[in-house]
Amino acid sequence: MMEIGQVYNKWFESLVNTVKQDDRDILFQHFGYFQEDFVYSLTAAIENKLIELGFSKATAKQAFITISEALINIDKHGKSSAFDLGGMIVSVKNNNILVSVSNIAPQSQREYIVSRLSELNDLDEKEVNERYQELLKRSIVSNANGIGLGFVSIRRNSNYGLIHYYFKPIDDESMIFATSFRV
């Protein structure tokens, strides 16, 4: 039987192939660790590449902020589990930026994640902004058990509003938790 990291890597490679088959141009992809200094340099490179491709500075900055939030979540929440590996793909098609981010999570968190992301996706734009401001006022910057400021910020900055999510069981205790959103 393959190790969890090997199963995850194989799944990530199949996701890369799926993105390519959709005729999306992959700007960046990374499978591995996402420490904070790496996240900053990677997101800065993504921002510069988007500007080089003709996206507005505002769109590139929005991508920088949103992708940073997603990758910092991998680093933050991965440290609380046995596996802090993560995967990220940033692709473009018809001037639409699609970001796919994934990591390994405990199976026991699945129902909680589904209920919180579903609740977040059901909010309209005004309600998302209110939730964001509420979390800022309460200074809830970190929520180790679930959906905090990071996902609210991603949802708030997504041009198409929704955070799509997917789970791939690895074994009885672990799963791949993948999200995608458009910037």
Foldseek 3Di string as FASTA:
>chain_A
DDDPLVVVVVVLVVVVVVCVVVVWAWPDKDKFAQDLVNLLVVLVVQLVVCVVVPDDNVLSVLSSVLSSLLRVCLNLQQVVDPGSIKMWIWTDDPNKTKIKIKDKDWPVCVVVAVVVLVVLLPDDLVVLVVQLVVLVVVVPPDDNNYDGNSVSSNQNSFPVRHKDWDWADDDNTMIMIMIMTID
